[in-house]
PDB file of N, CA and C in Angstrom:
ATOM      1  N   MET A   1     -53.414  -8.543  18.522  1.00  0.00           N
ATOM      2  CA  MET A   1     -51.992  -9.026  18.014  1.00  0.00           C
ATOM      3  C   MET A   1     -52.102  -9.705  16.901  1.00  0.00           C
ATOM      4  N   LYS A   2     -51.528  -9.126  15.544  1.00  0.00           N
ATOM      5  CA  LYS A   2     -51.441 -10.261  14.600  1.00  0.00           C
ATOM      6  C   LYS A   2     -50.469 -10.701  14.621  1.00  0.00           C
ATOM      7  N   ARG A   3     -50.409 -12.462  14.467  1.00  0.00           N
ATOM      8  CA  ARG A   3     -49.725 -13.436  14.183  1.00  0.00           C
ATOM      9  C   ARG A   3     -49.719 -14.207  13.153  1.00  0.00           C
ATOM     10  N   GLY A   4     -48.225 -14.358  12.616  1.00  0.00           N
ATOM     11  CA  GLY A   4     -48.108 -15.051  10.561  1.00  0.00           C
ATOM     12  C   GLY A   4     -47.338 -16.425  11.315  1.00  0.00           C
ATOM     13  N   TYR A   5     -47.903 -17.123  10.153  1.00  0.00           N
ATOM     14  CA  TYR A   5     -47.517 -18.570  10.558  1.00  0.00           C
ATOM     15  C   TYR A   5     -46.453 -18.579   9.060  1.00  0.00           C
ATOM     16  N   ARG A   6     -45.626 -19.462   9.618  1.00  0.00           N
ATOM     17  CA  ARG A   6     -44.811 -19.931   8.319  1.00  0.00           C
ATOM     18  C   ARG A   6     -44.757 -21.736   7.821  1.00  0.00           C
ATOM     19  N   TYR A   7     -44.954 -21.815   6.729  1.00  0.00           N
ATOM     20  CA  TYR A   7     -45.211 -23.380   6.632  1.00  0.00           C
ATOM     21  C   TYR A   7     -43.804 -23.549   5.593  1.00  0.00           C
ATOM     22  N   ARG A   8     -43.632 -24.810   5.745  1.00  0.00           N
ATOM     23  CA  ARG A   8     -42.542 -25.419   4.704  1.00  0.00           C
ATOM     24  C   ARG A   8     -43.506 -26.947   4.029  1.00  0.00           C
ATOM     25  N   ILE A   9     -42.968 -26.498   2.444  1.00  0.00           N
ATOM     26  CA  ILE A   9     -43.746 -27.755   1.653  1.00  0.00           C
ATOM     27  C   ILE A   9     -42.772 -28.277   1.154  1.00  0.00           C
ATOM     28  N   TYR A  10     -42.809 -29.498   0.717  1.00  0.00           N
ATOM     29  CA  TYR A  10     -42.159 -30.732   0.230  1.00  0.00           C
ATOM     30  C   TYR A  10     -42.975 -30.966  -1.244  1.00  0.00           C
ATOM     31  N   PRO A  11     -42.756 -30.539  -2.085  1.00  0.00           N
ATOM     32  CA  PRO A  11     -43.811 -30.694  -3.506  1.00  0.00           C
ATOM     33  C   PRO A  11     -42.918 -31.960  -3.965  1.00  0.00           C
ATOM     34  N   ASP A  12     -43.525 -32.909  -4.486  1.00  0.00           N
ATOM     35  CA  ASP A  12     -42.552 -33.727  -5.456  1.00  0.00           C
ATOM     36  C   ASP A  12     -42.378 -33.399  -6.984  1.00  0.00           C
ATOM     37  N   SER A  13     -41.969 -33.765  -8.003  1.00  0.00           N
ATOM     38  CA  SER A  13     -41.438 -33.267  -9.237  1.00  0.00           C
ATOM     39  C   SER A  13     -42.993 -32.966 -10.016  1.00  0.00           C
ATOM     40  N   GLU A  14     -43.708 -33.794  -9.459  1.00  0.00           N
ATOM     41  CA  GLU A  14     -45.303 -33.385 -10.412  1.00  0.00           C
ATOM     42  C   GLU A  14     -45.535 -31.788 -10.056  1.00  0.00           C
ATOM     43  N   GLN A  15     -45.645 -31.883  -8.542  1.00  0.00           N
ATOM     44  CA  GLN A  15     -46.179 -30.802  -7.815  1.00  0.00           C
ATOM     45  C   GLN A  15     -45.532 -29.153  -8.287  1.00  0.00           C
ATOM     46  N   CYS A  16     -43.942 -29.592  -8.420  1.00  0.00           N
ATOM     47  CA  CYS A  16     -43.142 -28.314  -8.580  1.00  0.00           C
ATOM     48  C   CYS A  16     -43.418 -28.082 -10.007  1.00  0.00           C
ATOM     49  N   SER A  17     -43.823 -28.837 -10.990  1.00  0.00           N
ATOM     50  CA  SER A  17     -44.107 -28.628 -12.274  1.00  0.00           C
ATOM     51  C   SER A  17     -45.360 -27.509 -12.349  1.00  0.00           C
ATOM     52  N   LEU A  18     -46.346 -27.953 -11.729  1.00  0.00           N
ATOM     53  CA  LEU A  18     -47.911 -27.417 -11.577  1.00  0.00           C
ATOM     54  C   LEU A  18     -47.540 -26.242 -10.895  1.00  0.00           C
ATOM     55  N   LEU A  19     -46.444 -26.132  -9.923  1.00  0.00           N
ATOM     56  CA  LEU A  19     -46.639 -24.773  -9.184  1.00  0.00           C
ATOM     57  C   LEU A  19     -45.780 -23.736 -10.086  1.00  0.00           C
ATOM     58  N   GLU A  20     -44.879 -24.316 -10.594  1.00  0.00           N
ATOM     59  CA  GLU A  20     -44.201 -23.119 -11.714  1.00  0.00           C
ATOM     60  C   GLU A  20     -44.937 -22.972 -12.869  1.00  0.00           C
ATOM     61  N   GLN A  21     -45.714 -23.901 -13.339  1.00  0.00           N
ATOM     62  CA  GLN A  21     -47.070 -23.034 -14.491  1.00  0.00           C
ATOM     63  C   GLN A  21     -47.761 -22.205 -13.862  1.00  0.00           C
ATOM     64  N   TYR A  22     -48.059 -22.295 -12.673  1.00  0.00           N
ATOM     65  CA  TYR A  22     -49.178 -21.387 -11.915  1.00  0.00           C
ATOM     66  C   TYR A  22     -48.147 -20.089 -11.901  1.00  0.00           C
ATOM     67  N   PHE A  23     -47.641 -20.172 -11.027  1.00  0.00           N
ATOM     68  CA  PHE A  23     -46.491 -18.949 -11.135  1.00  0.00           C
ATOM     69  C   PHE A  23     -46.173 -18.270 -12.470  1.00  0.00           C
ATOM     70  N   GLY A  24     -45.913 -18.896 -13.338  1.00  0.00           N
ATOM     71  CA  GLY A  24     -45.641 -18.519 -14.245  1.00  0.00           C
ATOM     72  C   GLY A  24     -46.525 -17.818 -15.515  1.00  0.00           C
ATOM     73  N   GLY A  25     -47.795 -18.207 -14.841  1.00  0.00           N
ATOM     74  CA  GLY A  25     -48.977 -17.583 -15.323  1.00  0.00           C
ATOM     75  C   GLY A  25     -49.302 -16.318 -14.930  1.00  0.00           C
ATOM     76  N   VAL A  26     -49.055 -16.507 -13.408  1.00  0.00           N
ATOM     77  CA  VAL A  26     -49.345 -15.058 -12.653  1.00  0.00           C
ATOM     78  C   VAL A  26     -48.233 -14.228 -12.919  1.00  0.00           C
ATOM     79  N   ARG A  27     -46.962 -14.428 -13.057  1.00  0.00           N
ATOM     80  CA  ARG A  27     -46.073 -13.216 -13.453  1.00  0.00           C
ATOM     81  C   ARG A  27     -46.262 -12.921 -15.010  1.00  0.00           C
ATOM     82  N   PHE A  28     -46.638 -13.718 -16.158  1.00  0.00           N
ATOM     83  CA  PHE A  28     -47.190 -13.210 -16.957  1.00  0.00           C
ATOM     84  C   PHE A  28     -48.404 -12.445 -17.271  1.00  0.00           C
ATOM     85  N   ILE A  29     -49.823 -12.715 -16.341  1.00  0.00           N
ATOM     86  CA  ILE A  29     -50.434 -11.480 -16.497  1.00  0.00           C
ATOM     87  C   ILE A  29     -49.948 -10.156 -15.847  1.00  0.00           C
ATOM     88  N   TYR A  30     -49.417 -10.524 -14.500  1.00  0.00           N
ATOM     89  CA  TYR A  30     -49.188  -9.405 -14.332  1.00  0.00           C
ATOM     90  C   TYR A  30     -48.214  -8.260 -14.842  1.00  0.00           C
ATOM     91  N   ASN A  31     -47.201  -9.088 -15.667  1.00  0.00           N
ATOM     92  CA  ASN A  31     -46.562  -8.098 -16.786  1.00  0.00           C
ATOM     93  C   ASN A  31     -47.058  -7.854 -18.179  1.00  0.00           C
ATOM     94  N   ARG A  32     -48.095  -8.361 -18.300  1.00  0.00           N
ATOM     95  CA  ARG A  32     -48.922  -7.909 -19.676  1.00  0.00           C
ATOM     96  C   ARG A  32     -49.760  -6.897 -18.959  1.00  0.00           C
ATOM     97  N   SER A  33     -50.539  -6.775 -17.800  1.00  0.00           N
ATOM     98  CA  SER A  33     -51.534  -5.861 -17.301  1.00  0.00           C
ATOM     99  C   SER A  33     -50.660  -4.387 -17.050  1.00  0.00           C
ATOM    100  N   LEU A  34     -49.222  -4.655 -16.442  1.00  0.00           N
ATOM    101  CA  LEU A  34     -48.341  -3.715 -16.646  1.00  0.00           C
ATOM    102  C   LEU A  34     -47.951  -2.931 -17.600  1.00  0.00           C
ATOM    103  N   PHE A  35     -47.722  -3.840 -18.694  1.00  0.00           N
ATOM    104  CA  PHE A  35     -47.463  -3.334 -20.358  1.00  0.00           C
ATOM    105  C   PHE A  35     -48.490  -2.576 -20.678  1.00  0.00           C
ATOM    106  N   ILE A  36     -50.337  -3.085 -20.508  1.00  0.00           N
ATOM    107  CA  ILE A  36     -51.127  -2.478 -21.108  1.00  0.00           C
ATOM    108  C   ILE A  36     -51.377  -1.476 -20.352  1.00  0.00           C
ATOM    109  N   GLN A  37     -51.051  -0.927 -18.956  1.00  0.00           N
ATOM    110  CA  GLN A  37     -51.112   0.382 -18.120  1.00  0.00           C
ATOM    111  C   GLN A  37     -50.273   1.661 -18.740  1.00  0.00           C
ATOM    112  N   ASN A  38     -49.174   0.832 -18.783  1.00  0.00           N
ATOM    113  CA  ASN A  38     -47.924   1.680 -19.056  1.00  0.00           C
ATOM    114  C   ASN A  38     -48.417   2.372 -20.904  1.00  0.00           C
ATOM    115  N   LEU A  39     -48.907   1.261 -21.269  1.00  0.00           N
ATOM    116  CA  LEU A  39     -49.133   2.051 -22.948  1.00  0.00           C
ATOM    117  C   LEU A  39     -50.153   2.675 -22.674  1.00  0.00           C
ATOM    118  N   MET A  40     -51.186   2.433 -21.892  1.00  0.00           N
ATOM    119  CA  MET A  40     -52.486   3.744 -21.981  1.00  0.00           C
ATOM    120  C   MET A  40     -51.580   5.165 -21.331  1.00  0.00           C
ATOM    121  N   TYR A  41     -50.898   4.951 -20.413  1.00  0.00           N
ATOM    122  CA  TYR A  41     -50.168   6.028 -20.091  1.00  0.00           C
ATOM    123  C   TYR A  41     -49.694   7.136 -21.211  1.00  0.00           C
ATOM    124  N   SER A  42     -48.709   6.004 -22.075  1.00  0.00           N
ATOM    125  CA  SER A  42     -47.674   6.845 -22.794  1.00  0.00           C
ATOM    126  C   SER A  42     -48.857   7.453 -23.970  1.00  0.00           C
ATOM    127  N   LYS A  43     -49.960   6.882 -24.605  1.00  0.00           N
ATOM    128  CA  LYS A  43     -50.886   7.056 -25.387  1.00  0.00           C
ATOM    129  C   LYS A  43     -51.743   8.078 -24.871  1.00  0.00           C
ATOM    130  N   PHE A  44     -52.162   8.286 -23.556  1.00  0.00           N
ATOM    131  CA  PHE A  44     -53.463   9.068 -22.950  1.00  0.00           C
ATOM    132  C   PHE A  44     -52.338  10.229 -22.080  1.00  0.00           C
ATOM    133  N   LYS A  45     -51.578   9.653 -21.634  1.00  0.00           N
ATOM    134  CA  LYS A  45     -50.710  10.624 -20.378  1.00  0.00           C
ATOM    135  C   LYS A  45     -51.659  10.708 -19.190  1.00  0.00           C
ATOM    136  N   GLN A  46     -52.232   9.234 -19.058  1.00  0.00           N
ATOM    137  CA  GLN A  46     -53.294   9.344 -17.658  1.00  0.00           C
ATOM    138  C   GLN A  46     -53.108   7.665 -17.299  1.00  0.00           C
ATOM    139  N   TRP A  47     -52.872   7.627 -16.098  1.00  0.00           N
ATOM    140  CA  TRP A  47     -52.951   6.615 -15.308  1.00  0.00           C
ATOM    141  C   TRP A  47     -53.925   5.890 -15.783  1.00  0.00           C
ATOM    142  N   ALA A  48     -53.836   4.511 -15.471  1.00  0.00           N
ATOM    143  CA  ALA A  48     -55.593   3.629 -15.829  1.00  0.00           C
ATOM    144  C   ALA A  48     -56.417   3.880 -14.789  1.00  0.00           C
ATOM    145  N   SER A  49     -55.407   4.038 -13.625  1.00  0.00           N
ATOM    146  CA  SER A  49     -56.479   4.500 -12.123  1.00  0.00           C
ATOM    147  C   SER A  49     -57.398   5.598 -12.109  1.00  0.00           C
ATOM    148  N   ASN A  50     -56.699   6.587 -12.921  1.00  0.00           N
ATOM    149  CA  ASN A  50     -57.221   7.969 -12.894  1.00  0.00           C
ATOM    150  C   ASN A  50     -58.458   7.788 -14.021  1.00  0.00           C
ATOM    151  N   LEU A  51     -58.620   6.936 -14.711  1.00  0.00           N
ATOM    152  CA  LEU A  51     -59.717   6.792 -15.777  1.00  0.00           C
ATOM    153  C   LEU A  51     -61.199   6.451 -15.339  1.00  0.00           C
ATOM    154  N   LYS A  52     -61.912   6.822 -15.814  1.00  0.00           N
ATOM    155  CA  LYS A  52     -63.457   6.361 -14.984  1.00  0.00           C
ATOM    156  C   LYS A  52     -63.267   5.001 -15.332  1.00  0.00           C
ATOM    157  N   PRO A  53     -63.861   4.236 -14.307  1.00  0.00           N
ATOM    158  CA  PRO A  53     -63.536   2.740 -14.220  1.00  0.00           C
ATOM    159  C   PRO A  53     -64.384   2.132 -15.428  1.00  0.00           C
ATOM    160  N   GLU A  54     -65.363   2.981 -16.111  1.00  0.00           N
ATOM    161  CA  GLU A  54     -66.215   2.078 -17.213  1.00  0.00           C
ATOM    162  C   GLU A  54     -65.441   2.070 -18.470  1.00  0.00           C
ATOM    163  N   TYR A  55     -64.228   2.710 -18.537  1.00  0.00           N
ATOM    164  CA  TYR A  55     -63.737   3.110 -19.819  1.00  0.00           C
ATOM    165  C   TYR A  55     -62.272   2.115 -19.815  1.00  0.00           C
ATOM    166  N   PHE A  56     -61.917   2.108 -18.442  1.00  0.00           N
ATOM    167  CA  PHE A  56     -60.707   1.501 -18.008  1.00  0.00           C
ATOM    168  C   PHE A  56     -60.541   0.446 -16.686  1.00  0.00           C
ATOM    169  N   GLY A  57     -61.226  -0.523 -16.551  1.00  0.00           N
ATOM    170  CA  GLY A  57     -61.316  -0.948 -15.275  1.00  0.00           C
ATOM    171  C   GLY A  57     -60.663  -2.272 -14.997  1.00  0.00           C
ATOM    172  N   LEU A  58     -60.706  -2.619 -13.901  1.00  0.00           N
ATOM    173  CA  LEU A  58     -60.116  -4.169 -13.881  1.00  0.00           C
ATOM    174  C   LEU A  58     -60.364  -5.398 -14.765  1.00  0.00           C
ATOM    175  N   PHE A  59     -62.018  -4.804 -15.094  1.00  0.00           N
ATOM    176  CA  PHE A  59     -62.414  -6.016 -16.071  1.00  0.00           C
ATOM    177  C   PHE A  59     -62.236  -5.827 -17.488  1.00  0.00           C
ATOM    178  N   LEU A  60     -61.936  -4.545 -17.684  1.00  0.00           N
ATOM    179  CA  LEU A  60     -61.484  -4.137 -19.192  1.00  0.00           C
ATOM    180  C   LEU A  60     -59.923  -4.723 -19.229  1.00  0.00           C
ATOM    181  N   LEU A  61     -59.257  -4.774 -18.295  1.00  0.00           N
ATOM    182  CA  LEU A  61     -58.289  -4.966 -18.602  1.00  0.00           C
ATOM    183  C   LEU A  61     -57.610  -6.467 -18.278  1.00  0.00           C
ATOM    184  N   CYS A  62     -58.724  -7.534 -17.677  1.00  0.00           N
ATOM    185  CA  CYS A  62     -58.447  -8.863 -17.725  1.00  0.00           C
ATOM    186  C   CYS A  62     -59.387  -9.075 -19.014  1.00  0.00           C
ATOM    187  N   SER A  63     -59.937  -8.437 -19.611  1.00  0.00           N
ATOM    188  CA  SER A  63     -60.403  -8.981 -20.592  1.00  0.00           C
ATOM    189  C   SER A  63     -59.500  -8.876 -22.155  1.00  0.00           C
ATOM    190  N   LEU A  64     -58.793  -7.578 -22.073  1.00  0.00           N
ATOM    191  CA  LEU A  64     -57.842  -7.598 -22.931  1.00  0.00           C
ATOM    192  C   LEU A  64     -56.767  -8.670 -22.919  1.00  0.00           C
ATOM    193  N   VAL A  65     -56.375  -8.791 -21.443  1.00  0.00           N
ATOM    194  CA  VAL A  65     -55.472 -10.204 -21.663  1.00  0.00           C
ATOM    195  C   VAL A  65     -56.026 -11.606 -22.068  1.00  0.00           C
ATOM    196  N   VAL A  66     -57.230 -11.780 -21.495  1.00  0.00           N
ATOM    197  CA  VAL A  66     -58.007 -13.144 -22.086  1.00  0.00           C
ATOM    198  C   VAL A  66     -57.738 -12.969 -23.419  1.00  0.00           C
ATOM    199  N   ILE A  67     -58.412 -12.094 -24.241  1.00  0.00           N
ATOM    200  CA  ILE A  67     -58.545 -11.823 -25.982  1.00  0.00           C
ATOM    201  C   ILE A  67     -57.078 -11.880 -26.130  1.00  0.00           C
ATOM    202  N   TRP A  68     -56.073 -11.519 -25.541  1.00  0.00           N
ATOM    203  CA  TRP A  68     -54.488 -11.576 -25.968  1.00  0.00           C
ATOM    204  C   TRP A  68     -54.247 -13.096 -26.145  1.00  0.00           C
ATOM    205  N   LEU A  69     -54.695 -14.059 -24.786  1.00  0.00           N
ATOM    206  CA  LEU A  69     -53.991 -15.191 -24.553  1.00  0.00           C
ATOM    207  C   LEU A  69     -54.899 -15.862 -26.265  1.00  0.00           C
ATOM    208  N   HIS A  70     -56.239 -15.495 -26.348  1.00  0.00           N
ATOM    209  CA  HIS A  70     -56.771 -16.372 -27.323  1.00  0.00           C
ATOM    210  C   HIS A  70     -56.016 -16.255 -28.261  1.00  0.00           C
ATOM    211  N   PHE A  71     -55.769 -14.942 -29.126  1.00  0.00           N
ATOM    212  CA  PHE A  71     -55.309 -15.045 -30.053  1.00  0.00           C
ATOM    213  C   PHE A  71     -53.764 -15.691 -30.022  1.00  0.00           C
ATOM    214  N   ARG A  72     -52.901 -15.627 -29.052  1.00  0.00           N
ATOM    215  CA  ARG A  72     -51.747 -16.350 -29.178  1.00  0.00           C
ATOM    216  C   ARG A  72     -51.930 -17.624 -28.875  1.00  0.00           C
ATOM    217  N   ARG A  73     -52.959 -18.401 -28.764  1.00  0.00           N
ATOM    218  CA  ARG A  73     -53.006 -19.563 -28.487  1.00  0.00           C
ATOM    219  C   ARG A  73     -53.329 -20.089 -30.317  1.00  0.00           C
ATOM    220  N   ARG A  74     -54.253 -19.624 -30.881  1.00  0.00           N
ATOM    221  CA  ARG A  74     -54.426 -19.738 -32.245  1.00  0.00           C
ATOM    222  C   ARG A  74     -53.474 -19.554 -33.087  1.00  0.00           C
ATOM    223  N   THR A  75     -52.537 -18.893 -32.806  1.00  0.00           N
ATOM    224  CA  THR A  75     -50.978 -18.467 -33.882  1.00  0.00           C
ATOM    225  C   THR A  75     -49.999 -19.496 -33.665  1.00  0.00           C
TER     226      THR A  75
END
């Protein structure tokens, strides 16, 4: 039988700020990845998961997001 646990946390203001930054970053990466996948589908009419991994795998998707973040910080 699987059992779940619930935890309640009470972060202070600094920890709240860090959690908001973390979850904001995660949400940004997810949305950007979804945008890239939808763009691939609109251009090639094929979902990224159906493409060969060497062409468009998770590594490439992460690389695209990192490159995009790098150029975004420079401007």
